[in-house]
Amino acid sequence: GLPKANLLAFQSEDGARLTVRPSGTEPKIKFYLELVGRATKREDVDPARARLEGIGKGLKTALMKELKLA
């Protein structure tokens, strides 16, 4: 019952998403990671963004290691 698509999408309980799809123009696989954060005040935005960027870099490093690309 699902539409056909050349991608895999995973969503975690906290709202983070990982989407994996082939490139349409090159022989490679693309990974997209979306992380979710919450800032209730303007001054909380930059620290929340920095925290999520750190998490994203850690996940990228772990994925590269798991795929034996680093």
PDB file of N, CA and C in Angstrom:
ATOM      1  N   GLY A   1       0.789  -1.201   0.000  1.00  0.00           N
ATOM      2  CA  GLY A   1       0.000   0.000   0.000  1.00  0.00           C
ATOM      3  C   GLY A   1       0.835   1.271   0.000  1.00  0.00           C
ATOM      4  N   LEU A   2       2.154   1.164   0.118  1.00  0.00           N
ATOM      5  CA  LEU A   2       2.999   2.368   0.144  1.00  0.00           C
ATOM      6  C   LEU A   2       3.427   2.731  -1.275  1.00  0.00           C
ATOM      7  N   PRO A   3       3.622   4.010  -1.549  1.00  0.00           N
ATOM      8  CA  PRO A   3       4.110   4.406  -2.878  1.00  0.00           C
ATOM      9  C   PRO A   3       5.546   3.937  -3.078  1.00  0.00           C
ATOM     10  N   LYS A   4       5.905   3.630  -4.309  1.00  0.00           N
ATOM     11  CA  LYS A   4       7.273   3.222  -4.614  1.00  0.00           C
ATOM     12  C   LYS A   4       8.178   4.440  -4.602  1.00  0.00           C
ATOM     13  N   ALA A   5       9.351   4.279  -3.972  1.00  0.00           N
ATOM     14  CA  ALA A   5      10.326   5.365  -3.914  1.00  0.00           C
ATOM     15  C   ALA A   5      11.716   4.757  -3.735  1.00  0.00           C
ATOM     16  N   ASN A   6      12.727   5.421  -4.263  1.00  0.00           N
ATOM     17  CA  ASN A   6      14.115   4.993  -4.107  1.00  0.00           C
ATOM     18  C   ASN A   6      14.714   5.629  -2.860  1.00  0.00           C
ATOM     19  N   LEU A   7      14.107   5.384  -1.716  1.00  0.00           N
ATOM     20  CA  LEU A   7      14.673   5.917  -0.485  1.00  0.00           C
ATOM     21  C   LEU A   7      14.221   5.103   0.699  1.00  0.00           C
ATOM     22  N   LEU A   8      15.002   5.207   1.748  1.00  0.00           N
ATOM     23  CA  LEU A   8      14.648   4.641   3.044  1.00  0.00           C
ATOM     24  C   LEU A   8      14.583   5.803   4.015  1.00  0.00           C
ATOM     25  N   ALA A   9      13.572   5.827   4.862  1.00  0.00           N
ATOM     26  CA  ALA A   9      13.449   6.899   5.854  1.00  0.00           C
ATOM     27  C   ALA A   9      13.170   6.266   7.206  1.00  0.00           C
ATOM     28  N   PHE A  10      13.919   6.718   8.207  1.00  0.00           N
ATOM     29  CA  PHE A  10      13.776   6.225   9.564  1.00  0.00           C
ATOM     30  C   PHE A  10      13.511   7.420  10.470  1.00  0.00           C
ATOM     31  N   GLN A  11      12.595   7.255  11.421  1.00  0.00           N
ATOM     32  CA  GLN A  11      12.303   8.340  12.357  1.00  0.00           C
ATOM     33  C   GLN A  11      12.397   7.793  13.775  1.00  0.00           C
ATOM     34  N   SER A  12      13.083   8.535  14.641  1.00  0.00           N
ATOM     35  CA  SER A  12      13.228   8.115  16.031  1.00  0.00           C
ATOM     36  C   SER A  12      12.087   8.685  16.872  1.00  0.00           C
ATOM     37  N   GLU A  13      11.991   8.209  18.087  1.00  0.00           N
ATOM     38  CA  GLU A  13      10.936   8.673  18.985  1.00  0.00           C
ATOM     39  C   GLU A  13      11.035  10.162  19.292  1.00  0.00           C
ATOM     40  N   ASP A  14      12.252  10.714  19.261  1.00  0.00           N
ATOM     41  CA  ASP A  14      12.410  12.147  19.572  1.00  0.00           C
ATOM     42  C   ASP A  14      12.213  13.051  18.353  1.00  0.00           C
ATOM     43  N   GLY A  15      11.845  12.459  17.210  1.00  0.00           N
ATOM     44  CA  GLY A  15      11.559  13.251  16.022  1.00  0.00           C
ATOM     45  C   GLY A  15      12.701  13.340  15.029  1.00  0.00           C
ATOM     46  N   ALA A  16      13.884  12.837  15.373  1.00  0.00           N
ATOM     47  CA  ALA A  16      15.010  12.855  14.437  1.00  0.00           C
ATOM     48  C   ALA A  16      14.705  11.927  13.267  1.00  0.00           C
ATOM     49  N   ARG A  17      15.214  12.291  12.089  1.00  0.00           N
ATOM     50  CA  ARG A  17      14.993  11.482  10.894  1.00  0.00           C
ATOM     51  C   ARG A  17      16.291  11.239  10.145  1.00  0.00           C
ATOM     52  N   LEU A  18      16.420  10.042   9.610  1.00  0.00           N
ATOM     53  CA  LEU A  18      17.524   9.691   8.718  1.00  0.00           C
ATOM     54  C   LEU A  18      16.896   9.219   7.414  1.00  0.00           C
ATOM     55  N   THR A  19      17.288   9.859   6.319  1.00  0.00           N
ATOM     56  CA  THR A  19      16.796   9.483   4.996  1.00  0.00           C
ATOM     57  C   THR A  19      17.994   9.079   4.151  1.00  0.00           C
ATOM     58  N   VAL A  20      17.874   7.970   3.454  1.00  0.00           N
ATOM     59  CA  VAL A  20      18.950   7.438   2.621  1.00  0.00           C
ATOM     60  C   VAL A  20      18.376   7.232   1.220  1.00  0.00           C
ATOM     61  N   ARG A  21      19.091   7.750   0.215  1.00  0.00           N
ATOM     62  CA  ARG A  21      18.619   7.581  -1.162  1.00  0.00           C
ATOM     63  C   ARG A  21      19.808   7.607  -2.116  1.00  0.00           C
ATOM     64  N   PRO A  22      19.639   7.014  -3.286  1.00  0.00           N
ATOM     65  CA  PRO A  22      20.707   7.106  -4.281  1.00  0.00           C
ATOM     66  C   PRO A  22      20.701   8.486  -4.925  1.00  0.00           C
ATOM     67  N   SER A  23      21.859   8.912  -5.382  1.00  0.00           N
ATOM     68  CA  SER A  23      21.945  10.159  -6.128  1.00  0.00           C
ATOM     69  C   SER A  23      21.255   9.966  -7.474  1.00  0.00           C
ATOM     70  N   GLY A  24      20.624  10.995  -7.958  1.00  0.00           N
ATOM     71  CA  GLY A  24      19.991  10.904  -9.268  1.00  0.00           C
ATOM     72  C   GLY A  24      20.949  11.133 -10.413  1.00  0.00           C
ATOM     73  N   THR A  25      22.152  11.656 -10.116  1.00  0.00           N
ATOM     74  CA  THR A  25      23.084  12.012 -11.189  1.00  0.00           C
ATOM     75  C   THR A  25      24.461  11.377 -11.043  1.00  0.00           C
ATOM     76  N   GLU A  26      24.749  10.790  -9.880  1.00  0.00           N
ATOM     77  CA  GLU A  26      26.082  10.230  -9.645  1.00  0.00           C
ATOM     78  C   GLU A  26      25.951   8.847  -9.014  1.00  0.00           C
ATOM     79  N   PRO A  27      26.964   8.009  -9.156  1.00  0.00           N
ATOM     80  CA  PRO A  27      26.916   6.677  -8.553  1.00  0.00           C
ATOM     81  C   PRO A  27      27.285   6.731  -7.064  1.00  0.00           C
ATOM     82  N   LYS A  28      26.416   7.295  -6.252  1.00  0.00           N
ATOM     83  CA  LYS A  28      26.682   7.358  -4.822  1.00  0.00           C
ATOM     84  C   LYS A  28      25.372   7.375  -4.047  1.00  0.00           C
ATOM     85  N   ILE A  29      25.474   7.124  -2.757  1.00  0.00           N
ATOM     86  CA  ILE A  29      24.318   7.127  -1.862  1.00  0.00           C
ATOM     87  C   ILE A  29      24.378   8.392  -1.020  1.00  0.00           C
ATOM     88  N   LYS A  30      23.238   9.027  -0.838  1.00  0.00           N
ATOM     89  CA  LYS A  30      23.164  10.257  -0.042  1.00  0.00           C
ATOM     90  C   LYS A  30      22.425   9.979   1.260  1.00  0.00           C
ATOM     91  N   PHE A  31      22.959  10.540   2.334  1.00  0.00           N
ATOM     92  CA  PHE A  31      22.358  10.420   3.652  1.00  0.00           C
ATOM     93  C   PHE A  31      21.944  11.818   4.118  1.00  0.00           C
ATOM     94  N   TYR A  32      20.741  11.924   4.633  1.00  0.00           N
ATOM     95  CA  TYR A  32      20.245  13.189   5.175  1.00  0.00           C
ATOM     96  C   TYR A  32      19.819  12.942   6.616  1.00  0.00           C
ATOM     97  N   LEU A  33      20.341  13.728   7.528  1.00  0.00           N
ATOM     98  CA  LEU A  33      20.013  13.593   8.946  1.00  0.00           C
ATOM     99  C   LEU A  33      19.338  14.868   9.414  1.00  0.00           C
ATOM    100  N   GLU A  34      18.180  14.730  10.002  1.00  0.00           N
ATOM    101  CA  GLU A  34      17.461  15.862  10.568  1.00  0.00           C
ATOM    102  C   GLU A  34      17.321  15.634  12.071  1.00  0.00           C
ATOM    103  N   LEU A  35      17.831  16.566  12.848  1.00  0.00           N
ATOM    104  CA  LEU A  35      17.739  16.477  14.297  1.00  0.00           C
ATOM    105  C   LEU A  35      16.760  17.527  14.798  1.00  0.00           C
ATOM    106  N   VAL A  36      16.134  17.238  15.915  1.00  0.00           N
ATOM    107  CA  VAL A  36      15.103  18.120  16.459  1.00  0.00           C
ATOM    108  C   VAL A  36      15.555  18.642  17.819  1.00  0.00           C
ATOM    109  N   GLY A  37      15.438  19.947  18.002  1.00  0.00           N
ATOM    110  CA  GLY A  37      15.761  20.564  19.282  1.00  0.00           C
ATOM    111  C   GLY A  37      14.667  21.530  19.684  1.00  0.00           C
ATOM    112  N   ARG A  38      14.718  21.942  20.922  1.00  0.00           N
ATOM    113  CA  ARG A  38      13.701  22.861  21.420  1.00  0.00           C
ATOM    114  C   ARG A  38      14.386  24.032  22.123  1.00  0.00           C
ATOM    115  N   ALA A  39      13.969  25.213  21.780  1.00  0.00           N
ATOM    116  CA  ALA A  39      14.454  26.429  22.443  1.00  0.00           C
ATOM    117  C   ALA A  39      13.223  27.263  22.785  1.00  0.00           C
ATOM    118  N   THR A  40      13.019  27.511  24.055  1.00  0.00           N
ATOM    119  CA  THR A  40      11.845  28.276  24.472  1.00  0.00           C
ATOM    120  C   THR A  40      12.109  29.772  24.514  1.00  0.00           C
ATOM    121  N   LYS A  41      13.385  30.133  24.537  1.00  0.00           N
ATOM    122  CA  LYS A  41      13.766  31.556  24.543  1.00  0.00           C
ATOM    123  C   LYS A  41      14.787  31.806  23.438  1.00  0.00           C
ATOM    124  N   ARG A  42      14.811  33.010  22.952  1.00  0.00           N
ATOM    125  CA  ARG A  42      15.737  33.380  21.871  1.00  0.00           C
ATOM    126  C   ARG A  42      17.184  33.059  22.232  1.00  0.00           C
ATOM    127  N   GLU A  43      17.558  33.318  23.448  1.00  0.00           N
ATOM    128  CA  GLU A  43      18.957  33.077  23.851  1.00  0.00           C
ATOM    129  C   GLU A  43      19.297  31.585  23.949  1.00  0.00           C
ATOM    130  N   ASP A  44      18.297  30.718  23.874  1.00  0.00           N
ATOM    131  CA  ASP A  44      18.536  29.272  23.909  1.00  0.00           C
ATOM    132  C   ASP A  44      18.794  28.685  22.516  1.00  0.00           C
ATOM    133  N   VAL A  45      18.543  29.473  21.467  1.00  0.00           N
ATOM    134  CA  VAL A  45      18.646  28.955  20.102  1.00  0.00           C
ATOM    135  C   VAL A  45      20.081  28.562  19.750  1.00  0.00           C
ATOM    136  N   ASP A  46      21.034  29.453  19.955  1.00  0.00           N
ATOM    137  CA  ASP A  46      22.425  29.148  19.573  1.00  0.00           C
ATOM    138  C   ASP A  46      22.993  27.965  20.346  1.00  0.00           C
ATOM    139  N   PRO A  47      22.806  27.882  21.679  1.00  0.00           N
ATOM    140  CA  PRO A  47      23.304  26.687  22.378  1.00  0.00           C
ATOM    141  C   PRO A  47      22.618  25.390  21.914  1.00  0.00           C
ATOM    142  N   ALA A  48      21.320  25.454  21.625  1.00  0.00           N
ATOM    143  CA  ALA A  48      20.615  24.263  21.135  1.00  0.00           C
ATOM    144  C   ALA A  48      21.154  23.852  19.772  1.00  0.00           C
ATOM    145  N   ARG A  49      21.382  24.822  18.909  1.00  0.00           N
ATOM    146  CA  ARG A  49      21.923  24.525  17.579  1.00  0.00           C
ATOM    147  C   ARG A  49      23.326  23.915  17.695  1.00  0.00           C
ATOM    148  N   ALA A  50      24.160  24.481  18.560  1.00  0.00           N
ATOM    149  CA  ALA A  50      25.516  23.959  18.737  1.00  0.00           C
ATOM    150  C   ALA A  50      25.482  22.526  19.267  1.00  0.00           C
ATOM    151  N   ARG A  51      24.572  22.248  20.187  1.00  0.00           N
ATOM    152  CA  ARG A  51      24.450  20.896  20.738  1.00  0.00           C
ATOM    153  C   ARG A  51      24.039  19.914  19.637  1.00  0.00           C
ATOM    154  N   LEU A  52      23.058  20.294  18.826  1.00  0.00           N
ATOM    155  CA  LEU A  52      22.608  19.420  17.746  1.00  0.00           C
ATOM    156  C   LEU A  52      23.685  19.231  16.679  1.00  0.00           C
ATOM    157  N   GLU A  53      24.439  20.271  16.378  1.00  0.00           N
ATOM    158  CA  GLU A  53      25.535  20.135  15.413  1.00  0.00           C
ATOM    159  C   GLU A  53      26.586  19.164  15.933  1.00  0.00           C
ATOM    160  N   GLY A  54      26.862  19.213  17.235  1.00  0.00           N
ATOM    161  CA  GLY A  54      27.811  18.268  17.832  1.00  0.00           C
ATOM    162  C   GLY A  54      27.305  16.834  17.746  1.00  0.00           C
ATOM    163  N   ILE A  55      26.027  16.645  18.018  1.00  0.00           N
ATOM    164  CA  ILE A  55      25.422  15.315  17.907  1.00  0.00           C
ATOM    165  C   ILE A  55      25.501  14.839  16.455  1.00  0.00           C
ATOM    166  N   GLY A  56      25.175  15.716  15.524  1.00  0.00           N
ATOM    167  CA  GLY A  56      25.216  15.363  14.100  1.00  0.00           C
ATOM    168  C   GLY A  56      26.611  14.953  13.654  1.00  0.00           C
ATOM    169  N   LYS A  57      27.621  15.695  14.094  1.00  0.00           N
ATOM    170  CA  LYS A  57      29.001  15.346  13.729  1.00  0.00           C
ATOM    171  C   LYS A  57      29.390  13.990  14.298  1.00  0.00           C
ATOM    172  N   GLY A  58      28.957  13.720  15.531  1.00  0.00           N
ATOM    173  CA  GLY A  58      29.243  12.419  16.144  1.00  0.00           C
ATOM    174  C   GLY A  58      28.569  11.279  15.389  1.00  0.00           C
ATOM    175  N   LEU A  59      27.325  11.482  14.987  1.00  0.00           N
ATOM    176  CA  LEU A  59      26.607  10.469  14.220  1.00  0.00           C
ATOM    177  C   LEU A  59      27.248  10.251  12.854  1.00  0.00           C
ATOM    178  N   LYS A  60      27.698  11.329  12.231  1.00  0.00           N
ATOM    179  CA  LYS A  60      28.370  11.209  10.929  1.00  0.00           C
ATOM    180  C   LYS A  60      29.653  10.397  11.082  1.00  0.00           C
ATOM    181  N   THR A  61      30.429  10.691  12.101  1.00  0.00           N
ATOM    182  CA  THR A  61      31.671   9.961  12.348  1.00  0.00           C
ATOM    183  C   THR A  61      31.390   8.483  12.575  1.00  0.00           C
ATOM    184  N   ALA A  62      30.362   8.178  13.373  1.00  0.00           N
ATOM    185  CA  ALA A  62      30.014   6.782  13.654  1.00  0.00           C
ATOM    186  C   ALA A  62      29.549   6.065  12.387  1.00  0.00           C
ATOM    187  N   LEU A  63      28.761   6.737  11.564  1.00  0.00           N
ATOM    188  CA  LEU A  63      28.285   6.133  10.326  1.00  0.00           C
ATOM    189  C   LEU A  63      29.443   5.879   9.361  1.00  0.00           C
ATOM    190  N   MET A  64      30.327   6.845   9.233  1.00  0.00           N
ATOM    191  CA  MET A  64      31.487   6.684   8.350  1.00  0.00           C
ATOM    192  C   MET A  64      32.351   5.503   8.812  1.00  0.00           C
ATOM    193  N   LYS A  65      32.523   5.378  10.129  1.00  0.00           N
ATOM    194  CA  LYS A  65      33.301   4.280  10.669  1.00  0.00           C
ATOM    195  C   LYS A  65      32.609   2.948  10.411  1.00  0.00           C
ATOM    196  N   GLU A  66      31.300   2.894  10.638  1.00  0.00           N
ATOM    197  CA  GLU A  66      30.542   1.671  10.427  1.00  0.00           C
ATOM    198  C   GLU A  66      30.584   1.229   8.963  1.00  0.00           C
ATOM    199  N   LEU A  67      30.537   2.178   8.053  1.00  0.00           N
ATOM    200  CA  LEU A  67      30.599   1.873   6.622  1.00  0.00           C
ATOM    201  C   LEU A  67      32.023   1.715   6.105  1.00  0.00           C
ATOM    202  N   LYS A  68      32.981   1.821   7.022  1.00  0.00           N
ATOM    203  CA  LYS A  68      34.406   1.680   6.698  1.00  0.00           C
ATOM    204  C   LYS A  68      34.859   2.712   5.665  1.00  0.00           C
ATOM    205  N   LEU A  69      34.381   3.936   5.828  1.00  0.00           N
ATOM    206  CA  LEU A  69      34.745   5.036   4.927  1.00  0.00           C
ATOM    207  C   LEU A  69      35.667   6.042   5.610  1.00  0.00           C
ATOM    208  N   ALA A  70      36.003   5.800   6.849  1.00  0.00           N
ATOM    209  CA  ALA A  70      36.892   6.713   7.587  1.00  0.00           C
ATOM    210  C   ALA A  70      37.943   5.931   8.333  1.00  0.00           C
TER     211      ALA A  70
END
